[in-house]
Amino acid sequence: MNQQSHFITPIDDRFFEDYPEGGVFEFGSIPVIEEEVIDFALRFDPQDFHIDPVAAKETLFGGIIASGWHTAGMTMKLYADHYLSKVASLASPGLDELRWIKPVRPADDLSVRVTVKETRKSRSKPDRGVVRSLIETLNQKGEVVMSMTAVNMLRCRDEGNAKHAGR
C-alpha cells in the first residue's frame, strides 16, 4: 500500500493496532551541529574525519562528517519522540540491515521516514504484537543518508491493557 500517512492516534494512546501495515510516516527535524559531531566522535568514534576539521579536508569526505553512530542516535531521538508508543512499547529485540548511505555533515537537518513493513500478533503472548519497520533518515534535500529495519514489540489495545495503563 505504501501511502503517506499520519497517525490518527496520539503517541500517548498508541497501541499495536495503530501501526497499519504499509503506512508511511515522516517527521523531524533535528539539526546537525559541528560541535556535537566532534564531541560525540571524541568520546565514541575518534576518527579524523569526525574530529579534526583540518585533517578531515584531506579525507575522501573533504570535511567533517558525523559518525554513523551519532546519526543513529539522532535518528533514534526522532523515532522515539514521534513514532514509538509512549504507553505500549515493550522494547526491541534489535535492528537489521543498518546502512550509512551518504555522509551527514554539520549544518544538515535530519528527518525520518518510517514505513511499516509487517505487523503480526504474537501467538504465544496475545497481549502484544510485533511491528517491523523500515527507518530512513533523510537530509534537508530529501536524500536518504541512513537506513535500517527495526523490530518493535508493542502491547495490543484491549480491556486489560487499558486498565493496566491506568485508564
N, C-alpha and C. Protein backbone atom coordinates (compact mmCIF):
# COMPACT_ATOMS: atom_id res chain seq x y z
N MET A 1 0.83 -1.19 0.00
CA MET A 1 0.00 0.00 0.00
C MET A 1 0.87 1.25 0.00
N ASN A 2 1.84 1.37 0.89
CA ASN A 2 2.85 2.43 0.93
C ASN A 2 2.32 3.83 0.63
N GLN A 3 1.29 4.26 1.31
CA GLN A 3 0.79 5.60 1.16
C GLN A 3 1.33 6.48 2.28
N GLN A 4 1.47 7.78 1.99
CA GLN A 4 1.85 8.74 3.03
C GLN A 4 0.71 8.79 4.04
N SER A 5 1.04 8.66 5.31
CA SER A 5 0.01 8.61 6.35
C SER A 5 0.40 9.49 7.52
N HIS A 6 -0.58 9.81 8.31
CA HIS A 6 -0.38 10.45 9.60
C HIS A 6 -1.09 9.58 10.61
N PHE A 7 -0.49 9.43 11.78
CA PHE A 7 -1.14 8.65 12.82
C PHE A 7 -2.43 9.34 13.22
N ILE A 8 -3.49 8.57 13.35
CA ILE A 8 -4.77 9.07 13.83
C ILE A 8 -4.73 9.16 15.35
N THR A 9 -4.06 8.20 15.96
CA THR A 9 -3.99 8.12 17.42
C THR A 9 -2.75 8.82 17.94
N PRO A 10 -2.89 9.66 18.97
CA PRO A 10 -1.71 10.32 19.53
C PRO A 10 -0.74 9.32 20.15
N ILE A 11 0.52 9.70 20.21
CA ILE A 11 1.60 8.82 20.65
C ILE A 11 1.40 8.30 22.08
N ASP A 12 0.69 9.05 22.91
CA ASP A 12 0.48 8.60 24.30
C ASP A 12 -0.76 7.73 24.45
N ASP A 13 -1.38 7.34 23.33
CA ASP A 13 -2.51 6.39 23.36
C ASP A 13 -2.40 5.41 22.18
N ARG A 14 -1.19 5.18 21.70
CA ARG A 14 -0.95 4.37 20.50
C ARG A 14 -0.58 2.95 20.90
N PHE A 15 -1.29 1.98 20.31
CA PHE A 15 -1.04 0.56 20.58
C PHE A 15 -0.73 -0.16 19.27
N PHE A 16 -0.44 -1.44 19.37
CA PHE A 16 -0.08 -2.27 18.21
C PHE A 16 -1.03 -2.03 17.02
N GLU A 17 -2.31 -1.98 17.29
CA GLU A 17 -3.31 -1.86 16.22
C GLU A 17 -3.23 -0.53 15.47
N ASP A 18 -2.54 0.44 16.03
CA ASP A 18 -2.45 1.76 15.42
C ASP A 18 -1.30 1.90 14.43
N TYR A 19 -0.57 0.81 14.19
CA TYR A 19 0.54 0.80 13.24
C TYR A 19 0.10 0.02 12.00
N PRO A 20 -0.46 0.68 10.99
CA PRO A 20 -1.00 -0.03 9.82
C PRO A 20 0.09 -0.51 8.88
N GLU A 21 0.02 -1.77 8.54
CA GLU A 21 0.98 -2.31 7.57
C GLU A 21 0.89 -1.49 6.28
N GLY A 22 2.03 -1.06 5.77
CA GLY A 22 2.07 -0.23 4.56
C GLY A 22 2.04 1.26 4.85
N GLY A 23 1.77 1.64 6.09
CA GLY A 23 1.75 3.06 6.43
C GLY A 23 3.13 3.68 6.34
N VAL A 24 3.20 4.92 5.90
CA VAL A 24 4.45 5.65 5.79
C VAL A 24 4.29 6.94 6.58
N PHE A 25 5.23 7.18 7.49
CA PHE A 25 5.15 8.33 8.39
C PHE A 25 6.45 9.12 8.30
N GLU A 26 6.35 10.44 8.15
CA GLU A 26 7.53 11.30 8.11
C GLU A 26 7.46 12.32 9.22
N PHE A 27 8.60 12.55 9.86
CA PHE A 27 8.67 13.53 10.94
C PHE A 27 10.10 13.95 11.16
N GLY A 28 10.26 15.02 11.87
CA GLY A 28 11.57 15.58 12.17
C GLY A 28 11.40 17.06 12.15
N SER A 29 12.35 17.74 12.62
CA SER A 29 13.72 17.69 12.21
C SER A 29 14.67 17.82 13.40
N ILE A 30 15.94 17.51 13.11
CA ILE A 30 16.99 17.68 14.10
C ILE A 30 18.22 18.23 13.38
N PRO A 31 18.77 19.33 13.88
CA PRO A 31 19.95 19.91 13.21
C PRO A 31 21.22 19.16 13.58
N VAL A 32 22.14 19.09 12.65
CA VAL A 32 23.45 18.51 12.88
C VAL A 32 24.40 19.66 13.19
N ILE A 33 24.95 19.67 14.40
CA ILE A 33 25.77 20.77 14.88
C ILE A 33 27.22 20.30 15.00
N GLU A 34 28.13 21.05 14.37
CA GLU A 34 29.54 20.63 14.30
C GLU A 34 30.13 20.31 15.68
N GLU A 35 29.89 21.16 16.65
CA GLU A 35 30.44 20.92 17.99
C GLU A 35 29.95 19.58 18.56
N GLU A 36 28.68 19.25 18.35
CA GLU A 36 28.14 17.97 18.82
C GLU A 36 28.73 16.79 18.05
N VAL A 37 28.94 16.98 16.74
CA VAL A 37 29.56 15.93 15.91
C VAL A 37 30.95 15.60 16.47
N ILE A 38 31.74 16.63 16.74
CA ILE A 38 33.10 16.43 17.24
C ILE A 38 33.08 15.86 18.66
N ASP A 39 32.23 16.40 19.54
CA ASP A 39 32.15 15.90 20.92
C ASP A 39 31.77 14.42 20.95
N PHE A 40 30.75 14.05 20.17
CA PHE A 40 30.33 12.64 20.12
C PHE A 40 31.50 11.77 19.66
N ALA A 41 32.13 12.16 18.57
CA ALA A 41 33.20 11.35 17.99
C ALA A 41 34.42 11.26 18.91
N LEU A 42 34.75 12.34 19.60
CA LEU A 42 35.87 12.28 20.55
C LEU A 42 35.62 11.20 21.61
N ARG A 43 34.39 11.05 22.01
CA ARG A 43 34.06 10.05 23.03
C ARG A 43 33.89 8.65 22.47
N PHE A 44 33.29 8.54 21.27
CA PHE A 44 32.84 7.21 20.83
C PHE A 44 33.36 6.75 19.47
N ASP A 45 33.89 7.62 18.64
CA ASP A 45 34.32 7.23 17.29
C ASP A 45 35.42 8.17 16.81
N PRO A 46 36.59 8.15 17.50
CA PRO A 46 37.63 9.16 17.25
C PRO A 46 38.44 8.93 15.97
N GLN A 47 37.80 9.18 14.85
CA GLN A 47 38.49 9.12 13.57
C GLN A 47 38.62 10.55 13.04
N ASP A 48 39.71 10.82 12.32
CA ASP A 48 40.00 12.19 11.87
C ASP A 48 38.84 12.86 11.15
N PHE A 49 38.11 12.11 10.31
CA PHE A 49 37.04 12.76 9.54
C PHE A 49 35.82 13.09 10.40
N HIS A 50 35.85 12.68 11.69
CA HIS A 50 34.80 13.06 12.63
C HIS A 50 35.26 14.12 13.63
N ILE A 51 36.57 14.23 13.86
CA ILE A 51 37.03 15.06 14.99
C ILE A 51 37.98 16.21 14.62
N ASP A 52 38.58 16.16 13.43
CA ASP A 52 39.61 17.15 13.11
C ASP A 52 39.28 17.84 11.78
N PRO A 53 38.76 19.08 11.83
CA PRO A 53 38.36 19.76 10.60
C PRO A 53 39.48 19.89 9.57
N VAL A 54 40.70 20.11 10.02
CA VAL A 54 41.82 20.26 9.08
C VAL A 54 42.15 18.91 8.43
N ALA A 55 42.35 17.89 9.24
CA ALA A 55 42.65 16.55 8.71
C ALA A 55 41.49 16.01 7.87
N ALA A 56 40.26 16.33 8.27
CA ALA A 56 39.08 15.83 7.54
C ALA A 56 39.06 16.34 6.10
N LYS A 57 39.62 17.52 5.86
CA LYS A 57 39.65 18.07 4.50
C LYS A 57 40.47 17.20 3.56
N GLU A 58 41.42 16.45 4.11
CA GLU A 58 42.30 15.60 3.31
C GLU A 58 41.73 14.19 3.10
N THR A 59 40.59 13.90 3.67
CA THR A 59 39.99 12.57 3.51
C THR A 59 39.07 12.54 2.30
N LEU A 60 38.57 11.38 1.97
CA LEU A 60 37.66 11.27 0.84
C LEU A 60 36.37 12.03 1.06
N PHE A 61 36.09 12.43 2.31
CA PHE A 61 34.86 13.18 2.59
C PHE A 61 35.05 14.69 2.40
N GLY A 62 36.28 15.15 2.39
CA GLY A 62 36.57 16.56 2.16
C GLY A 62 36.13 17.49 3.29
N GLY A 63 35.88 16.95 4.45
CA GLY A 63 35.47 17.75 5.60
C GLY A 63 34.87 16.87 6.68
N ILE A 64 34.54 17.50 7.78
CA ILE A 64 33.96 16.79 8.93
C ILE A 64 32.63 16.15 8.54
N ILE A 65 32.43 14.91 8.99
CA ILE A 65 31.13 14.24 8.87
C ILE A 65 30.79 13.63 10.23
N ALA A 66 29.50 13.47 10.46
CA ALA A 66 29.05 12.84 11.70
C ALA A 66 29.35 11.35 11.68
N SER A 67 29.70 10.82 12.83
CA SER A 67 29.81 9.37 12.98
C SER A 67 28.46 8.74 12.63
N GLY A 68 28.50 7.60 12.00
CA GLY A 68 27.25 6.88 11.73
C GLY A 68 26.49 6.57 13.01
N TRP A 69 27.24 6.34 14.08
CA TRP A 69 26.60 6.05 15.37
C TRP A 69 25.91 7.28 15.92
N HIS A 70 26.46 8.45 15.67
CA HIS A 70 25.81 9.70 16.06
C HIS A 70 24.54 9.89 15.24
N THR A 71 24.62 9.62 13.95
CA THR A 71 23.44 9.70 13.08
C THR A 71 22.37 8.75 13.58
N ALA A 72 22.77 7.54 13.97
CA ALA A 72 21.80 6.58 14.51
C ALA A 72 21.16 7.11 15.79
N GLY A 73 21.95 7.78 16.63
CA GLY A 73 21.41 8.35 17.86
C GLY A 73 20.41 9.47 17.58
N MET A 74 20.72 10.33 16.62
CA MET A 74 19.78 11.40 16.26
C MET A 74 18.50 10.82 15.67
N THR A 75 18.66 9.76 14.87
CA THR A 75 17.51 9.08 14.30
C THR A 75 16.64 8.50 15.41
N MET A 76 17.28 7.87 16.39
CA MET A 76 16.53 7.27 17.49
C MET A 76 15.74 8.32 18.26
N LYS A 77 16.31 9.50 18.44
CA LYS A 77 15.61 10.59 19.13
C LYS A 77 14.31 10.92 18.40
N LEU A 78 14.37 11.07 17.08
CA LEU A 78 13.17 11.37 16.30
C LEU A 78 12.19 10.20 16.33
N TYR A 79 12.70 8.99 16.23
CA TYR A 79 11.88 7.77 16.24
C TYR A 79 11.13 7.64 17.57
N ALA A 80 11.84 7.85 18.67
CA ALA A 80 11.22 7.73 20.00
C ALA A 80 10.23 8.86 20.26
N ASP A 81 10.55 10.07 19.81
CA ASP A 81 9.67 11.21 20.06
C ASP A 81 8.39 11.20 19.24
N HIS A 82 8.42 10.57 18.05
CA HIS A 82 7.29 10.70 17.14
C HIS A 82 6.63 9.39 16.71
N TYR A 83 7.34 8.28 16.80
CA TYR A 83 6.82 7.02 16.24
C TYR A 83 6.49 6.00 17.31
N LEU A 84 7.40 5.78 18.23
CA LEU A 84 7.19 4.75 19.24
C LEU A 84 6.13 5.14 20.24
N SER A 85 5.27 4.22 20.55
CA SER A 85 4.22 4.46 21.53
C SER A 85 4.80 4.78 22.90
N LYS A 86 4.20 5.76 23.56
CA LYS A 86 4.61 6.11 24.92
C LYS A 86 4.00 5.16 25.95
N VAL A 87 2.95 4.41 25.58
CA VAL A 87 2.26 3.54 26.54
C VAL A 87 2.34 2.05 26.21
N ALA A 88 2.72 1.70 24.99
CA ALA A 88 2.65 0.29 24.60
C ALA A 88 3.97 -0.30 24.14
N SER A 89 5.01 0.50 24.03
CA SER A 89 6.29 -0.02 23.57
C SER A 89 6.90 -0.94 24.63
N LEU A 90 7.25 -2.14 24.21
CA LEU A 90 7.81 -3.14 25.12
C LEU A 90 9.29 -3.41 24.84
N ALA A 91 9.92 -2.63 24.04
CA ALA A 91 11.34 -2.78 23.69
C ALA A 91 11.49 -3.39 22.31
N SER A 92 12.74 -3.58 21.94
CA SER A 92 13.07 -4.09 20.62
C SER A 92 14.13 -5.19 20.75
N PRO A 93 13.94 -6.30 20.03
CA PRO A 93 14.98 -7.33 20.04
C PRO A 93 16.16 -6.97 19.16
N GLY A 94 16.04 -5.88 18.36
CA GLY A 94 17.19 -5.48 17.57
C GLY A 94 16.86 -4.83 16.25
N LEU A 95 17.94 -4.53 15.52
CA LEU A 95 17.87 -3.88 14.21
C LEU A 95 18.52 -4.78 13.18
N ASP A 96 18.11 -4.62 11.94
CA ASP A 96 18.73 -5.34 10.83
C ASP A 96 19.09 -4.34 9.75
N GLU A 97 20.05 -4.70 8.94
CA GLU A 97 20.37 -4.00 7.71
C GLU A 97 20.66 -2.51 7.91
N LEU A 98 21.43 -2.18 8.93
CA LEU A 98 21.84 -0.79 9.15
C LEU A 98 22.82 -0.39 8.05
N ARG A 99 22.50 0.72 7.36
CA ARG A 99 23.35 1.19 6.26
C ARG A 99 23.57 2.69 6.40
N TRP A 100 24.83 3.11 6.29
CA TRP A 100 25.18 4.52 6.22
C TRP A 100 25.40 4.83 4.75
N ILE A 101 24.48 5.53 4.14
CA ILE A 101 24.42 5.67 2.69
C ILE A 101 25.14 6.92 2.19
N LYS A 102 24.96 8.03 2.86
CA LYS A 102 25.60 9.30 2.47
C LYS A 102 26.17 9.95 3.72
N PRO A 103 27.23 10.71 3.57
CA PRO A 103 27.79 11.41 4.73
C PRO A 103 26.78 12.43 5.28
N VAL A 104 26.79 12.55 6.60
CA VAL A 104 25.98 13.55 7.29
C VAL A 104 26.95 14.63 7.77
N ARG A 105 26.65 15.87 7.40
CA ARG A 105 27.58 16.98 7.65
C ARG A 105 26.98 18.01 8.61
N PRO A 106 27.86 18.71 9.31
CA PRO A 106 27.37 19.83 10.11
C PRO A 106 26.54 20.76 9.22
N ALA A 107 25.48 21.29 9.77
CA ALA A 107 24.51 22.16 9.10
C ALA A 107 23.44 21.37 8.35
N ASP A 108 23.57 20.04 8.24
CA ASP A 108 22.47 19.26 7.70
C ASP A 108 21.31 19.30 8.71
N ASP A 109 20.13 19.04 8.21
CA ASP A 109 18.94 18.96 9.05
C ASP A 109 18.29 17.62 8.73
N LEU A 110 18.19 16.76 9.74
CA LEU A 110 17.71 15.40 9.52
C LEU A 110 16.24 15.24 9.88
N SER A 111 15.58 14.39 9.13
CA SER A 111 14.22 13.97 9.42
C SER A 111 14.16 12.46 9.21
N VAL A 112 13.03 11.88 9.53
CA VAL A 112 12.90 10.42 9.45
C VAL A 112 11.63 10.06 8.71
N ARG A 113 11.74 9.02 7.88
CA ARG A 113 10.59 8.41 7.23
C ARG A 113 10.55 6.95 7.67
N VAL A 114 9.40 6.53 8.19
CA VAL A 114 9.24 5.16 8.67
C VAL A 114 8.12 4.49 7.89
N THR A 115 8.42 3.33 7.32
CA THR A 115 7.44 2.53 6.59
C THR A 115 7.17 1.26 7.38
N VAL A 116 5.91 1.02 7.72
CA VAL A 116 5.54 -0.20 8.45
C VAL A 116 5.54 -1.34 7.44
N LYS A 117 6.51 -2.23 7.57
CA LYS A 117 6.68 -3.33 6.61
C LYS A 117 5.84 -4.56 6.96
N GLU A 118 5.71 -4.82 8.26
CA GLU A 118 5.00 -6.04 8.68
C GLU A 118 4.47 -5.85 10.10
N THR A 119 3.27 -6.34 10.33
CA THR A 119 2.72 -6.39 11.68
C THR A 119 2.17 -7.80 11.90
N ARG A 120 2.41 -8.33 13.10
CA ARG A 120 1.82 -9.64 13.43
C ARG A 120 1.64 -9.76 14.93
N LYS A 121 0.50 -10.31 15.28
CA LYS A 121 0.21 -10.56 16.69
C LYS A 121 1.02 -11.76 17.15
N SER A 122 1.45 -11.71 18.38
CA SER A 122 2.19 -12.83 18.96
C SER A 122 1.22 -13.98 19.23
N ARG A 123 1.62 -15.18 18.87
CA ARG A 123 0.80 -16.37 19.15
C ARG A 123 0.97 -16.82 20.59
N SER A 124 2.19 -16.68 21.09
CA SER A 124 2.48 -17.14 22.46
C SER A 124 2.06 -16.13 23.52
N LYS A 125 2.01 -14.84 23.15
CA LYS A 125 1.64 -13.78 24.10
C LYS A 125 0.62 -12.87 23.41
N PRO A 126 -0.66 -13.21 23.47
CA PRO A 126 -1.68 -12.49 22.70
C PRO A 126 -1.93 -11.04 23.13
N ASP A 127 -1.27 -10.60 24.20
CA ASP A 127 -1.42 -9.20 24.63
C ASP A 127 -0.48 -8.26 23.88
N ARG A 128 0.29 -8.80 22.92
CA ARG A 128 1.27 -7.97 22.21
C ARG A 128 1.42 -8.39 20.75
N GLY A 129 2.05 -7.49 20.00
CA GLY A 129 2.33 -7.76 18.61
C GLY A 129 3.72 -7.26 18.25
N VAL A 130 4.15 -7.64 17.06
CA VAL A 130 5.47 -7.25 16.56
C VAL A 130 5.27 -6.37 15.33
N VAL A 131 5.98 -5.25 15.31
CA VAL A 131 5.94 -4.33 14.16
C VAL A 131 7.36 -4.24 13.61
N ARG A 132 7.50 -4.55 12.32
CA ARG A 132 8.79 -4.43 11.64
C ARG A 132 8.71 -3.23 10.71
N SER A 133 9.64 -2.28 10.89
CA SER A 133 9.58 -1.00 10.18
C SER A 133 10.90 -0.69 9.49
N LEU A 134 10.81 -0.13 8.29
CA LEU A 134 11.97 0.41 7.60
C LEU A 134 12.11 1.86 8.05
N ILE A 135 13.25 2.20 8.61
CA ILE A 135 13.53 3.57 9.05
C ILE A 135 14.55 4.17 8.10
N GLU A 136 14.18 5.30 7.50
CA GLU A 136 15.10 6.01 6.62
C GLU A 136 15.34 7.40 7.19
N THR A 137 16.60 7.76 7.35
CA THR A 137 16.97 9.09 7.81
C THR A 137 17.26 9.93 6.57
N LEU A 138 16.65 11.10 6.50
CA LEU A 138 16.76 11.96 5.33
C LEU A 138 17.47 13.26 5.70
N ASN A 139 18.25 13.80 4.77
CA ASN A 139 18.81 15.14 4.98
C ASN A 139 17.82 16.17 4.45
N GLN A 140 18.18 17.44 4.53
CA GLN A 140 17.28 18.52 4.14
C GLN A 140 16.96 18.51 2.64
N LYS A 141 17.74 17.80 1.85
CA LYS A 141 17.48 17.68 0.41
C LYS A 141 16.54 16.51 0.10
N GLY A 142 16.14 15.76 1.15
CA GLY A 142 15.29 14.59 0.95
C GLY A 142 16.08 13.34 0.58
N GLU A 143 17.42 13.41 0.65
CA GLU A 143 18.25 12.26 0.33
C GLU A 143 18.33 11.32 1.53
N VAL A 144 18.25 10.03 1.27
CA VAL A 144 18.40 9.04 2.34
C VAL A 144 19.87 8.96 2.70
N VAL A 145 20.19 9.23 3.98
CA VAL A 145 21.57 9.18 4.44
C VAL A 145 21.85 7.94 5.28
N MET A 146 20.79 7.33 5.84
CA MET A 146 20.94 6.12 6.64
C MET A 146 19.64 5.35 6.57
N SER A 147 19.73 4.04 6.64
CA SER A 147 18.52 3.22 6.70
C SER A 147 18.77 2.01 7.59
N MET A 148 17.70 1.51 8.15
CA MET A 148 17.76 0.30 8.97
C MET A 148 16.36 -0.25 9.12
N THR A 149 16.28 -1.50 9.50
CA THR A 149 15.00 -2.13 9.76
C THR A 149 14.93 -2.42 11.26
N ALA A 150 13.86 -1.94 11.89
CA ALA A 150 13.67 -2.13 13.33
C ALA A 150 12.53 -3.09 13.58
N VAL A 151 12.67 -3.83 14.66
CA VAL A 151 11.61 -4.71 15.13
C VAL A 151 11.22 -4.22 16.52
N ASN A 152 9.94 -3.91 16.69
CA ASN A 152 9.45 -3.44 17.98
C ASN A 152 8.30 -4.30 18.47
N MET A 153 8.29 -4.56 19.76
CA MET A 153 7.18 -5.27 20.40
C MET A 153 6.29 -4.22 21.06
N LEU A 154 4.98 -4.33 20.80
CA LEU A 154 4.02 -3.36 21.32
C LEU A 154 2.82 -4.08 21.94
N ARG A 155 2.31 -3.51 23.02
CA ARG A 155 1.08 -4.04 23.62
C ARG A 155 -0.09 -3.82 22.68
N CYS A 156 -1.03 -4.76 22.73
CA CYS A 156 -2.27 -4.62 21.98
C CYS A 156 -3.26 -3.81 22.81
N ARG A 157 -4.17 -3.15 22.13
CA ARG A 157 -5.22 -2.39 22.80
C ARG A 157 -6.33 -3.37 23.17
N ASP A 158 -6.61 -3.49 24.43
CA ASP A 158 -7.74 -4.30 24.88
C ASP A 158 -8.13 -3.84 26.28
N GLU A 159 -9.18 -4.40 26.78
CA GLU A 159 -9.70 -4.01 28.09
C GLU A 159 -8.65 -4.15 29.18
N GLY A 160 -7.90 -5.25 29.18
CA GLY A 160 -6.88 -5.50 30.19
C GLY A 160 -5.76 -4.47 30.13
N ASN A 161 -5.32 -4.11 28.93
CA ASN A 161 -4.24 -3.13 28.80
C ASN A 161 -4.69 -1.73 29.21
N ALA A 162 -5.95 -1.38 28.91
CA ALA A 162 -6.46 -0.07 29.29
C ALA A 162 -6.45 0.06 30.82
N LYS A 163 -6.85 -1.01 31.52
CA LYS A 163 -6.82 -0.99 32.98
C LYS A 163 -5.38 -0.94 33.48
N HIS A 164 -4.50 -1.69 32.82
CA HIS A 164 -3.09 -1.73 33.20
C HIS A 164 -2.44 -0.35 33.05
N ALA A 165 -2.85 0.38 32.04
CA ALA A 165 -2.26 1.69 31.78
C ALA A 165 -2.89 2.80 32.63
N GLY A 166 -3.79 2.42 33.52
CA GLY A 166 -4.39 3.39 34.41
C GLY A 166 -5.55 4.14 33.79
N ARG A 167 -6.19 3.57 32.80
CA ARG A 167 -7.33 4.24 32.13
C ARG A 167 -8.63 3.76 32.73
